[in-house]
Amino acid sequence: MSRAALMVLADGRFPAGGHAHSGGAEAAVKAGRITGARSLEDFCRGRLHTTGVVSAALAAAAALGVDIAALDEAADARTPSAALRTTARRLGRQLLRAARVAWPAAELDALARAFPKGAHQPVVLGATARAAGLDGADAAYCSAYESVSGPATAVVRLLSLDPFDATAVLARLAPDLDAMVTSAESAARRAVTEGVGVLPAASAPFLEVGAEGHAGWGVRLFAS
């Protein structure tokens, strides 16, 4: 296992396409639910404990070797919004392209053949972590951090929020992130023997509704 590989995979400069997506923050800003650092923290905490834990558990399960097709179906079932399903597969396809160059592996090649239009991003993230020699907890941490760092970075652009304040939000969320990863990894370990039905299925209706509306905007800074 290489902790350095985790740093590469979690680096915001890894060319996986995430920089073009706000994680629902753009729609939340327009709706007035994010207006500054305090409301950004509330938004990120809510995202972390709903869609964040779902994604982290899916990523951890993929890293532990749970069947990819079953995990992708589970991700679909846990994503009511068609817009978010499309985004997740687009991001998965882009991540897989980068991963196959960074960590060439037969299992990643097989994943690309099985899902030519892209598998869900958390599932691909877990498969990538596995190919890079990382474990379930590593994959969960990477996914969990992405779920809050994306919105925080986006709000810096959307509201001209001080980057120091945005970073402080992420620092304050660290205990929540640790606890959520522990829960996600535990569920993923159960999924190895009990199947994907034991994985979290938390929902965030505002994110789903916001994504559907955001997809129809004529002018926007972020793709989702």
Protein backbone atom coordinates (compact mmCIF):
# COMPACT_ATOMS: atom_id res chain seq x y z
CA MET A 1 0.00 0.00 0.00
CA SER A 2 1.30 3.44 -0.95
CA ARG A 3 0.17 6.52 0.91
CA ALA A 4 1.84 8.55 -1.82
CA ALA A 5 -0.65 7.06 -4.30
CA LEU A 6 -3.48 8.36 -2.10
CA MET A 7 -2.00 11.84 -2.27
CA VAL A 8 -1.87 11.66 -6.07
CA LEU A 9 -5.46 10.40 -6.34
CA ALA A 10 -6.85 12.96 -3.87
CA ASP A 11 -4.94 15.88 -5.38
CA GLY A 12 -7.33 18.42 -6.88
CA ARG A 13 -4.98 18.67 -9.85
CA PHE A 14 -5.48 15.02 -10.78
CA PRO A 15 -7.14 15.31 -14.23
CA ALA A 16 -10.43 13.63 -13.36
CA GLY A 17 -12.69 16.51 -14.39
CA GLY A 18 -13.97 17.40 -10.93
CA HIS A 19 -12.90 21.04 -11.23
CA ALA A 20 -15.78 21.66 -13.65
CA HIS A 21 -18.42 20.57 -11.13
CA SER A 22 -19.66 22.38 -8.01
CA GLY A 23 -21.29 19.44 -6.24
CA GLY A 24 -24.60 21.27 -6.16
CA ALA A 25 -23.13 24.48 -4.76
CA GLU A 26 -23.98 26.63 -7.77
CA ALA A 27 -27.69 25.82 -7.52
CA ALA A 28 -27.56 26.30 -3.73
CA VAL A 29 -25.94 29.72 -4.11
CA LYS A 30 -28.61 30.83 -6.57
CA ALA A 31 -31.35 29.56 -4.23
CA GLY A 32 -29.85 31.53 -1.35
CA ARG A 33 -28.92 28.47 0.71
CA ILE A 34 -25.21 29.33 0.56
CA THR A 35 -24.36 32.95 1.27
CA GLY A 36 -21.01 32.73 3.06
CA ALA A 37 -18.69 30.53 5.10
CA ARG A 38 -21.24 29.54 7.76
CA SER A 39 -23.87 28.36 5.29
CA LEU A 40 -21.18 26.71 3.16
CA GLU A 41 -20.19 24.68 6.21
CA ASP A 42 -23.82 23.66 6.79
CA PHE A 43 -24.18 22.68 3.14
CA CYS A 44 -20.98 20.63 3.12
CA ARG A 45 -21.83 18.89 6.39
CA GLY A 46 -25.23 17.94 5.02
CA ARG A 47 -23.70 16.70 1.79
CA LEU A 48 -21.08 14.72 3.69
CA HIS A 49 -23.64 12.83 5.75
CA THR A 50 -26.01 12.08 2.84
CA THR A 51 -24.65 11.67 -0.67
CA GLY A 52 -21.12 11.79 0.73
CA VAL A 53 -21.45 8.66 2.86
CA VAL A 54 -23.18 6.84 0.00
CA SER A 55 -20.35 7.66 -2.41
CA ALA A 56 -17.65 6.86 0.14
CA ALA A 57 -19.16 3.46 0.88
CA LEU A 58 -19.45 2.65 -2.82
CA ALA A 59 -15.81 3.65 -3.36
CA ALA A 60 -14.64 1.63 -0.36
CA ALA A 61 -16.59 -1.43 -1.51
CA ALA A 62 -15.06 -1.23 -5.00
CA ALA A 63 -11.59 -0.94 -3.46
CA LEU A 64 -12.33 -4.07 -1.41
CA GLY A 65 -13.22 -6.04 -4.53
CA VAL A 66 -17.04 -6.05 -4.43
CA ASP A 67 -18.53 -6.75 -7.87
CA ILE A 68 -18.33 -3.59 -9.98
CA ALA A 69 -21.53 -4.20 -11.94
CA ALA A 70 -23.50 -4.69 -8.73
CA LEU A 71 -22.01 -1.53 -7.25
CA ASP A 72 -22.85 0.47 -10.36
CA GLU A 73 -26.46 -0.72 -10.17
CA ALA A 74 -26.50 0.22 -6.49
CA ALA A 75 -25.20 3.70 -7.35
CA ASP A 76 -27.94 4.10 -9.96
CA ALA A 77 -30.60 3.10 -7.45
CA ARG A 78 -29.28 5.64 -4.96
CA THR A 79 -29.28 8.52 -7.47
CA PRO A 80 -32.87 9.55 -8.31
CA SER A 81 -31.84 12.55 -10.42
CA ALA A 82 -31.19 11.73 -14.07
CA ALA A 83 -28.94 14.78 -14.28
CA LEU A 84 -26.79 13.51 -11.42
CA ARG A 85 -26.62 10.01 -12.90
CA THR A 86 -25.37 11.50 -16.16
CA THR A 87 -22.82 13.63 -14.33
CA ALA A 88 -21.60 10.68 -12.25
CA ARG A 89 -21.01 8.57 -15.35
CA ARG A 90 -19.30 11.43 -17.18
CA LEU A 91 -16.97 11.95 -14.24
CA GLY A 92 -16.39 8.21 -13.96
CA ARG A 93 -15.36 8.02 -17.60
CA GLN A 94 -12.93 10.93 -17.23
CA LEU A 95 -11.47 9.51 -14.01
CA LEU A 96 -10.96 6.13 -15.63
CA ARG A 97 -9.08 7.70 -18.55
CA ALA A 98 -6.65 9.34 -16.13
CA ALA A 99 -6.41 6.27 -13.91
CA ARG A 100 -5.49 3.91 -16.74
CA VAL A 101 -2.52 6.13 -17.58
CA ALA A 102 -1.44 6.63 -13.97
CA TRP A 103 -1.94 3.03 -12.78
CA PRO A 104 -2.20 0.65 -15.76
CA ALA A 105 -4.11 -2.45 -14.69
CA ALA A 106 -6.09 -5.20 -16.37
CA GLU A 107 -9.05 -4.58 -14.06
CA LEU A 108 -9.28 -0.95 -15.16
CA ASP A 109 -9.14 -2.03 -18.79
CA ALA A 110 -11.96 -4.48 -18.09
CA LEU A 111 -13.96 -1.73 -16.42
CA ALA A 112 -13.57 0.50 -19.48
CA ARG A 113 -14.80 -2.31 -21.74
CA ALA A 114 -17.76 -3.12 -19.51
CA PHE A 115 -18.86 0.53 -19.22
CA PRO A 116 -17.95 2.35 -22.45
CA LYS A 117 -20.19 5.28 -21.47
CA GLY A 118 -18.76 5.39 -17.96
CA ALA A 119 -19.53 3.80 -14.61
CA HIS A 120 -20.53 5.92 -11.62
CA GLN A 121 -17.62 8.02 -10.39
CA PRO A 122 -17.42 6.60 -6.82
CA VAL A 123 -17.29 3.07 -8.22
CA VAL A 124 -14.49 4.02 -10.60
CA LEU A 125 -12.72 5.82 -7.77
CA GLY A 126 -12.74 2.66 -5.69
CA ALA A 127 -11.50 0.54 -8.58
CA THR A 128 -8.75 3.08 -9.17
CA ALA A 129 -7.75 3.01 -5.52
CA ARG A 130 -7.54 -0.78 -5.69
CA ALA A 131 -5.34 -0.62 -8.81
CA ALA A 132 -3.11 1.91 -7.03
CA GLY A 133 -2.64 -0.44 -4.08
CA LEU A 134 -4.90 1.46 -1.70
CA ASP A 135 -7.48 0.03 0.70
CA GLY A 136 -11.13 0.68 1.41
CA ALA A 137 -10.50 3.39 3.99
CA ASP A 138 -8.23 5.24 1.55
CA ALA A 139 -10.91 5.14 -1.13
CA ALA A 140 -13.54 6.33 1.34
CA TYR A 141 -11.36 9.23 2.50
CA CYS A 142 -10.69 10.29 -1.07
CA SER A 143 -14.38 10.20 -1.94
CA ALA A 144 -15.45 11.94 1.27
CA TYR A 145 -12.97 14.75 0.82
CA GLU A 146 -14.08 15.27 -2.77
CA SER A 147 -17.68 15.59 -1.60
CA VAL A 148 -16.87 18.70 0.43
CA SER A 149 -13.79 20.15 -1.25
CA GLY A 150 -15.58 20.51 -4.59
CA PRO A 151 -18.36 22.75 -3.23
CA ALA A 152 -15.89 24.72 -1.08
CA THR A 153 -13.68 25.45 -4.08
CA ALA A 154 -16.68 26.34 -6.23
CA VAL A 155 -18.05 28.83 -3.69
CA VAL A 156 -14.74 30.69 -3.73
CA ARG A 157 -15.51 31.46 -7.37
CA LEU A 158 -19.27 31.84 -7.07
CA LEU A 159 -19.29 34.24 -4.10
CA SER A 160 -15.70 35.50 -4.13
CA LEU A 161 -15.41 33.85 -0.72
CA ASP A 162 -12.02 34.27 0.92
CA PRO A 163 -10.07 31.05 0.17
CA PHE A 164 -8.79 31.09 3.77
CA ASP A 165 -12.38 30.95 5.01
CA ALA A 166 -13.22 28.12 2.62
CA THR A 167 -10.22 26.15 3.82
CA ALA A 168 -11.20 26.76 7.43
CA VAL A 169 -14.60 25.22 6.66
CA LEU A 170 -12.89 22.06 5.43
CA ALA A 171 -10.69 21.97 8.54
CA ARG A 172 -13.72 22.23 10.83
CA LEU A 173 -15.38 19.37 8.96
CA ALA A 174 -12.45 17.00 9.61
CA PRO A 175 -14.05 15.25 12.63
CA ASP A 176 -17.26 14.69 10.66
CA LEU A 177 -15.25 13.34 7.76
CA ASP A 178 -13.37 10.90 10.01
CA ALA A 179 -16.60 9.60 11.54
CA MET A 180 -18.31 9.27 8.19
CA VAL A 181 -15.40 7.35 6.66
CA THR A 182 -15.45 4.90 9.56
CA SER A 183 -19.16 4.29 8.94
CA ALA A 184 -18.72 4.00 5.16
CA GLU A 185 -15.82 1.57 5.42
CA SER A 186 -17.70 -0.58 7.91
CA ALA A 187 -20.66 -0.85 5.55
CA ALA A 188 -18.33 -1.64 2.65
CA ARG A 189 -16.73 -4.49 4.59
CA ARG A 190 -20.16 -5.92 5.27
CA ALA A 191 -20.97 -5.66 1.56
CA VAL A 192 -18.08 -8.00 0.76
CA THR A 193 -20.00 -10.90 2.32
CA GLU A 194 -23.60 -9.62 2.53
CA GLY A 195 -24.00 -7.85 -0.81
CA VAL A 196 -24.53 -4.25 -1.89
CA GLY A 197 -27.92 -3.97 -0.20
CA VAL A 198 -26.21 -3.18 3.12
CA LEU A 199 -24.55 -0.05 1.73
CA PRO A 200 -25.92 3.35 2.86
CA ALA A 201 -28.82 4.83 0.91
CA ALA A 202 -29.05 8.32 2.45
CA SER A 203 -30.71 10.98 0.31
CA ALA A 204 -30.47 14.73 -0.18
CA PRO A 205 -33.64 15.93 -1.97
CA PHE A 206 -32.45 19.54 -2.33
CA LEU A 207 -29.36 18.33 -4.19
CA GLU A 208 -31.48 16.16 -6.49
CA VAL A 209 -34.02 18.89 -7.23
CA GLY A 210 -31.29 21.50 -7.61
CA ALA A 211 -29.39 19.32 -10.07
CA GLU A 212 -32.46 18.89 -12.27
CA GLY A 213 -33.01 22.63 -12.39
CA HIS A 214 -29.33 23.43 -12.85
CA ALA A 215 -29.12 21.13 -15.87
CA GLY A 216 -31.54 23.41 -17.71
CA TRP A 217 -29.81 26.71 -17.01
CA GLY A 218 -28.72 28.61 -20.08
CA VAL A 219 -25.72 30.22 -18.38
CA ARG A 220 -23.74 28.59 -15.56
CA LEU A 221 -20.16 28.50 -14.29
CA PHE A 222 -20.13 24.77 -13.54
CA ALA A 223 -21.39 21.70 -15.33
CA SER A 224 -23.24 20.47 -12.24
